[in-house]
């Protein structure tokens, strides 16, 4: 079985847009984590999403995923789409989820 490559230990600041007025109270929903992350973009996004994004009980929504100022993927109705194969990390990183709805 092929070993999945991870980063060295890096810091990641995670933020996201609010999904409704009641969610604004905690905006920008900032969380700082340190750890080793998958370099494979889809696996990296999946690992963050499962621990961070709220559950949304509606259709026709998406998240744009921006890592260090560059869009690396999208989530459409819970399906992850990566735009690049490998995520590039710095010593200190930021990822922001931009909420979109139709």
N, C-alpha and C. Protein backbone atom coordinates (compact mmCIF):
# COMPACT_ATOMS: atom_id res chain seq x y z
N UNK A 1 0.83 -1.18 0.00
CA UNK A 1 0.00 0.00 0.00
C UNK A 1 0.87 1.24 0.00
N UNK A 2 0.54 2.20 -0.84
CA UNK A 2 1.32 3.43 -0.96
C UNK A 2 1.12 4.31 0.27
N UNK A 3 2.24 4.81 0.83
CA UNK A 3 2.16 5.68 1.99
C UNK A 3 1.72 7.07 1.55
N UNK A 4 0.77 7.64 2.26
CA UNK A 4 0.29 8.98 1.95
C UNK A 4 1.20 10.01 2.61
N UNK A 5 1.69 10.95 1.84
CA UNK A 5 2.65 11.92 2.34
C UNK A 5 1.95 13.01 3.14
N UNK A 6 2.61 13.39 4.25
CA UNK A 6 2.12 14.47 5.09
C UNK A 6 3.20 15.52 5.21
N UNK A 7 2.79 16.72 5.64
CA UNK A 7 3.71 17.82 5.83
C UNK A 7 4.51 17.60 7.11
N UNK A 8 5.53 18.42 7.29
CA UNK A 8 6.14 18.55 8.61
C UNK A 8 5.10 19.26 9.47
N UNK A 9 5.36 19.45 10.74
CA UNK A 9 4.40 20.14 11.60
C UNK A 9 4.32 21.60 11.17
N UNK A 10 3.10 22.05 10.85
CA UNK A 10 2.86 23.43 10.45
C UNK A 10 1.65 23.97 11.22
N UNK A 11 1.55 25.30 11.25
CA UNK A 11 0.41 25.96 11.89
C UNK A 11 -0.61 26.32 10.82
N UNK A 12 -1.88 26.12 11.13
CA UNK A 12 -2.95 26.41 10.19
C UNK A 12 -4.05 27.19 10.91
N UNK A 13 -4.32 28.40 10.43
CA UNK A 13 -5.43 29.19 10.95
C UNK A 13 -6.61 28.97 10.02
N UNK A 14 -7.72 28.47 10.58
CA UNK A 14 -8.91 28.14 9.79
C UNK A 14 -9.99 29.17 10.10
N UNK A 15 -10.60 29.73 9.05
CA UNK A 15 -11.74 30.63 9.21
C UNK A 15 -12.79 30.28 8.17
N UNK A 16 -14.02 30.74 8.42
CA UNK A 16 -15.08 30.51 7.45
C UNK A 16 -16.10 31.62 7.53
N UNK A 17 -16.84 31.78 6.44
CA UNK A 17 -17.96 32.70 6.42
C UNK A 17 -19.08 32.14 7.28
N UNK A 18 -19.95 33.04 7.74
CA UNK A 18 -21.15 32.62 8.46
C UNK A 18 -22.17 32.07 7.46
N UNK A 19 -23.04 31.19 7.95
CA UNK A 19 -24.04 30.60 7.06
C UNK A 19 -25.44 31.18 7.29
N UNK A 20 -25.61 31.95 8.38
CA UNK A 20 -26.89 32.61 8.65
C UNK A 20 -26.65 33.71 9.69
N UNK A 21 -27.67 34.53 9.94
CA UNK A 21 -27.52 35.64 10.90
C UNK A 21 -27.11 35.15 12.28
N UNK A 22 -27.71 34.09 12.76
CA UNK A 22 -27.39 33.58 14.09
C UNK A 22 -25.95 33.09 14.18
N UNK A 23 -25.37 32.70 13.07
CA UNK A 23 -24.00 32.21 13.02
C UNK A 23 -22.99 33.36 13.06
N UNK A 24 -23.45 34.59 12.81
CA UNK A 24 -22.55 35.75 12.78
C UNK A 24 -21.91 36.06 14.12
N UNK A 25 -22.52 35.65 15.20
CA UNK A 25 -22.03 35.99 16.54
C UNK A 25 -20.61 35.50 16.78
N UNK A 26 -20.23 34.41 16.13
CA UNK A 26 -18.90 33.82 16.32
C UNK A 26 -17.99 34.04 15.12
N UNK A 27 -18.39 34.89 14.20
CA UNK A 27 -17.63 35.11 12.98
C UNK A 27 -16.27 35.71 13.30
N UNK A 28 -15.19 35.32 12.69
CA UNK A 28 -15.01 34.47 11.52
C UNK A 28 -14.78 33.00 11.84
N UNK A 29 -15.21 32.56 13.04
CA UNK A 29 -15.13 31.14 13.41
C UNK A 29 -13.69 30.63 13.36
N UNK A 30 -12.81 31.41 13.95
CA UNK A 30 -11.36 31.16 13.86
C UNK A 30 -10.94 29.99 14.75
N UNK A 31 -10.11 29.14 14.16
CA UNK A 31 -9.54 28.00 14.86
C UNK A 31 -8.08 27.88 14.41
N UNK A 32 -7.17 27.73 15.36
CA UNK A 32 -5.75 27.57 15.04
C UNK A 32 -5.33 26.16 15.45
N UNK A 33 -4.74 25.44 14.51
CA UNK A 33 -4.28 24.08 14.78
C UNK A 33 -2.84 23.93 14.31
N UNK A 34 -2.11 23.06 14.98
CA UNK A 34 -0.77 22.69 14.56
C UNK A 34 -0.77 21.20 14.34
N UNK A 35 -0.13 20.78 13.27
CA UNK A 35 -0.09 19.35 13.02
C UNK A 35 0.53 19.02 11.68
N UNK A 36 0.42 17.76 11.33
CA UNK A 36 0.90 17.28 10.03
C UNK A 36 -0.33 17.03 9.19
N UNK A 37 -0.35 17.59 7.99
CA UNK A 37 -1.50 17.52 7.12
C UNK A 37 -1.16 16.78 5.84
N UNK A 38 -2.17 16.15 5.24
CA UNK A 38 -1.96 15.48 3.97
C UNK A 38 -1.57 16.48 2.89
N UNK A 39 -0.60 16.13 2.06
CA UNK A 39 -0.23 16.97 0.93
C UNK A 39 -1.23 16.81 -0.22
N UNK A 40 -1.87 15.64 -0.31
CA UNK A 40 -2.91 15.43 -1.31
C UNK A 40 -4.07 16.37 -0.97
N UNK A 41 -4.43 17.25 -1.91
CA UNK A 41 -5.40 18.30 -1.65
C UNK A 41 -6.75 17.77 -1.20
N UNK A 42 -7.28 16.76 -1.87
CA UNK A 42 -8.60 16.24 -1.50
C UNK A 42 -8.58 15.66 -0.09
N UNK A 43 -7.56 14.89 0.25
CA UNK A 43 -7.47 14.33 1.60
C UNK A 43 -7.31 15.42 2.65
N UNK A 44 -6.52 16.44 2.32
CA UNK A 44 -6.34 17.58 3.23
C UNK A 44 -7.68 18.27 3.49
N UNK A 45 -8.41 18.58 2.42
CA UNK A 45 -9.71 19.25 2.56
C UNK A 45 -10.67 18.37 3.37
N UNK A 46 -10.74 17.09 3.03
CA UNK A 46 -11.62 16.17 3.76
C UNK A 46 -11.33 16.17 5.27
N UNK A 47 -10.05 16.18 5.63
CA UNK A 47 -9.68 16.13 7.05
C UNK A 47 -10.09 17.40 7.78
N UNK A 48 -10.04 18.54 7.13
CA UNK A 48 -10.44 19.80 7.75
C UNK A 48 -11.96 19.90 7.83
N UNK A 49 -12.63 19.56 6.76
CA UNK A 49 -14.09 19.67 6.67
C UNK A 49 -14.78 18.86 7.76
N UNK A 50 -14.33 17.65 7.96
CA UNK A 50 -15.00 16.76 8.92
C UNK A 50 -14.94 17.29 10.35
N UNK A 51 -13.94 18.09 10.66
CA UNK A 51 -13.77 18.61 12.01
C UNK A 51 -14.22 20.06 12.17
N UNK A 52 -14.48 20.77 11.07
CA UNK A 52 -14.64 22.22 11.17
C UNK A 52 -15.95 22.78 10.62
N UNK A 53 -16.35 22.39 9.43
CA UNK A 53 -17.51 23.02 8.81
C UNK A 53 -18.82 22.56 9.45
N UNK A 54 -19.79 23.47 9.54
CA UNK A 54 -21.09 23.10 10.10
C UNK A 54 -21.87 22.21 9.14
N UNK A 55 -22.79 21.44 9.70
CA UNK A 55 -23.69 20.63 8.88
C UNK A 55 -24.77 21.57 8.34
N UNK A 56 -25.03 21.50 7.04
CA UNK A 56 -26.04 22.35 6.40
C UNK A 56 -27.13 21.45 5.85
N UNK A 57 -28.37 21.71 6.28
CA UNK A 57 -29.50 20.88 5.89
C UNK A 57 -30.27 21.51 4.74
N UNK A 58 -29.60 21.83 3.68
CA UNK A 58 -30.25 22.36 2.48
C UNK A 58 -29.41 21.97 1.28
N UNK A 59 -29.97 22.12 0.12
CA UNK A 59 -29.24 21.86 -1.12
C UNK A 59 -28.81 23.19 -1.72
N UNK A 60 -28.07 23.10 -2.79
CA UNK A 60 -27.64 24.28 -3.56
C UNK A 60 -26.77 25.24 -2.76
N UNK A 61 -25.79 24.68 -2.08
CA UNK A 61 -24.79 25.52 -1.42
C UNK A 61 -23.41 25.03 -1.83
N UNK A 62 -22.42 25.88 -1.63
CA UNK A 62 -21.05 25.48 -1.89
C UNK A 62 -20.11 26.28 -1.00
N UNK A 63 -18.91 25.77 -0.88
CA UNK A 63 -17.82 26.46 -0.19
C UNK A 63 -16.66 26.57 -1.18
N UNK A 64 -16.09 27.74 -1.29
CA UNK A 64 -14.83 27.91 -2.01
C UNK A 64 -13.74 27.82 -0.95
N UNK A 65 -12.69 27.07 -1.23
CA UNK A 65 -11.65 26.82 -0.25
C UNK A 65 -10.37 27.54 -0.68
N UNK A 66 -9.91 28.46 0.16
CA UNK A 66 -8.76 29.30 -0.16
C UNK A 66 -7.65 29.03 0.85
N UNK A 67 -6.52 28.52 0.36
CA UNK A 67 -5.35 28.24 1.20
C UNK A 67 -4.26 29.25 0.85
N UNK A 68 -3.84 30.03 1.83
CA UNK A 68 -2.78 31.03 1.65
C UNK A 68 -3.05 31.94 0.45
N UNK A 69 -4.31 32.36 0.30
CA UNK A 69 -4.68 33.29 -0.76
C UNK A 69 -4.97 32.67 -2.12
N UNK A 70 -4.88 31.35 -2.23
CA UNK A 70 -5.09 30.68 -3.51
C UNK A 70 -6.24 29.66 -3.39
N UNK A 71 -7.19 29.73 -4.32
CA UNK A 71 -8.29 28.78 -4.32
C UNK A 71 -7.75 27.39 -4.66
N UNK A 72 -8.00 26.43 -3.76
CA UNK A 72 -7.50 25.07 -3.98
C UNK A 72 -8.62 24.07 -4.25
N UNK A 73 -9.88 24.49 -4.03
CA UNK A 73 -10.98 23.57 -4.28
C UNK A 73 -12.32 24.14 -3.91
N UNK A 74 -13.34 23.30 -4.07
CA UNK A 74 -14.73 23.66 -3.78
C UNK A 74 -15.41 22.48 -3.11
N UNK A 75 -16.45 22.79 -2.36
CA UNK A 75 -17.35 21.77 -1.85
C UNK A 75 -18.73 22.14 -2.35
N UNK A 76 -19.36 21.23 -3.07
CA UNK A 76 -20.73 21.43 -3.56
C UNK A 76 -21.61 20.36 -2.94
N UNK A 77 -22.55 20.80 -2.09
CA UNK A 77 -23.48 19.87 -1.43
C UNK A 77 -22.74 18.66 -0.85
N UNK A 78 -21.69 18.92 -0.11
CA UNK A 78 -20.89 17.93 0.63
C UNK A 78 -19.88 17.15 -0.22
N UNK A 79 -19.82 17.36 -1.53
CA UNK A 79 -18.84 16.69 -2.39
C UNK A 79 -17.62 17.60 -2.57
N UNK A 80 -16.42 17.06 -2.31
CA UNK A 80 -15.18 17.84 -2.39
C UNK A 80 -14.58 17.73 -3.79
N UNK A 81 -14.21 18.87 -4.35
CA UNK A 81 -13.54 18.95 -5.65
C UNK A 81 -12.25 19.74 -5.46
N UNK A 82 -11.11 19.11 -5.72
CA UNK A 82 -9.83 19.82 -5.60
C UNK A 82 -9.42 20.36 -6.96
N UNK A 83 -8.79 21.52 -6.94
CA UNK A 83 -8.32 22.15 -8.18
C UNK A 83 -6.85 21.89 -8.45
N UNK A 84 -6.14 21.41 -7.43
CA UNK A 84 -4.72 21.08 -7.57
C UNK A 84 -4.49 19.72 -6.90
N UNK A 85 -3.43 19.03 -7.31
CA UNK A 85 -3.14 17.71 -6.74
C UNK A 85 -2.53 17.80 -5.34
N UNK A 86 -1.57 18.72 -5.17
CA UNK A 86 -0.86 18.82 -3.90
C UNK A 86 -0.96 20.23 -3.35
N UNK A 87 -1.35 20.32 -2.10
CA UNK A 87 -1.43 21.61 -1.42
C UNK A 87 -0.02 22.05 -1.02
N UNK A 88 0.24 23.35 -1.16
CA UNK A 88 1.54 23.92 -0.78
C UNK A 88 1.39 24.62 0.57
N UNK A 89 2.28 24.29 1.48
CA UNK A 89 2.20 24.84 2.83
C UNK A 89 3.43 25.69 3.14
N UNK A 90 3.22 26.68 4.02
CA UNK A 90 4.29 27.52 4.56
C UNK A 90 4.47 27.11 6.02
N UNK A 91 5.34 27.80 6.75
CA UNK A 91 5.46 27.51 8.18
C UNK A 91 4.18 27.88 8.93
N UNK A 92 3.56 29.01 8.51
CA UNK A 92 2.29 29.45 9.07
C UNK A 92 1.32 29.62 7.91
N UNK A 93 0.13 29.03 8.02
CA UNK A 93 -0.81 28.98 6.90
C UNK A 93 -2.19 29.44 7.32
N UNK A 94 -2.98 29.86 6.32
CA UNK A 94 -4.37 30.20 6.59
C UNK A 94 -5.25 29.55 5.52
N UNK A 95 -6.38 29.04 5.98
CA UNK A 95 -7.36 28.49 5.06
C UNK A 95 -8.70 29.15 5.40
N UNK A 96 -9.40 29.60 4.35
CA UNK A 96 -10.68 30.26 4.56
C UNK A 96 -11.72 29.59 3.66
N UNK A 97 -12.89 29.34 4.23
CA UNK A 97 -14.01 28.74 3.50
C UNK A 97 -15.02 29.84 3.20
N UNK A 98 -15.26 30.09 1.93
CA UNK A 98 -16.21 31.12 1.50
C UNK A 98 -17.54 30.44 1.18
N UNK A 99 -18.58 30.81 1.91
CA UNK A 99 -19.90 30.19 1.77
C UNK A 99 -20.66 30.83 0.63
N UNK A 100 -21.26 30.00 -0.20
CA UNK A 100 -22.06 30.47 -1.34
C UNK A 100 -23.36 29.69 -1.39
N UNK A 101 -24.43 30.38 -1.70
CA UNK A 101 -25.72 29.72 -1.83
C UNK A 101 -26.47 30.32 -3.00
N UNK A 102 -27.32 29.50 -3.62
CA UNK A 102 -28.10 29.97 -4.78
C UNK A 102 -29.35 30.67 -4.34
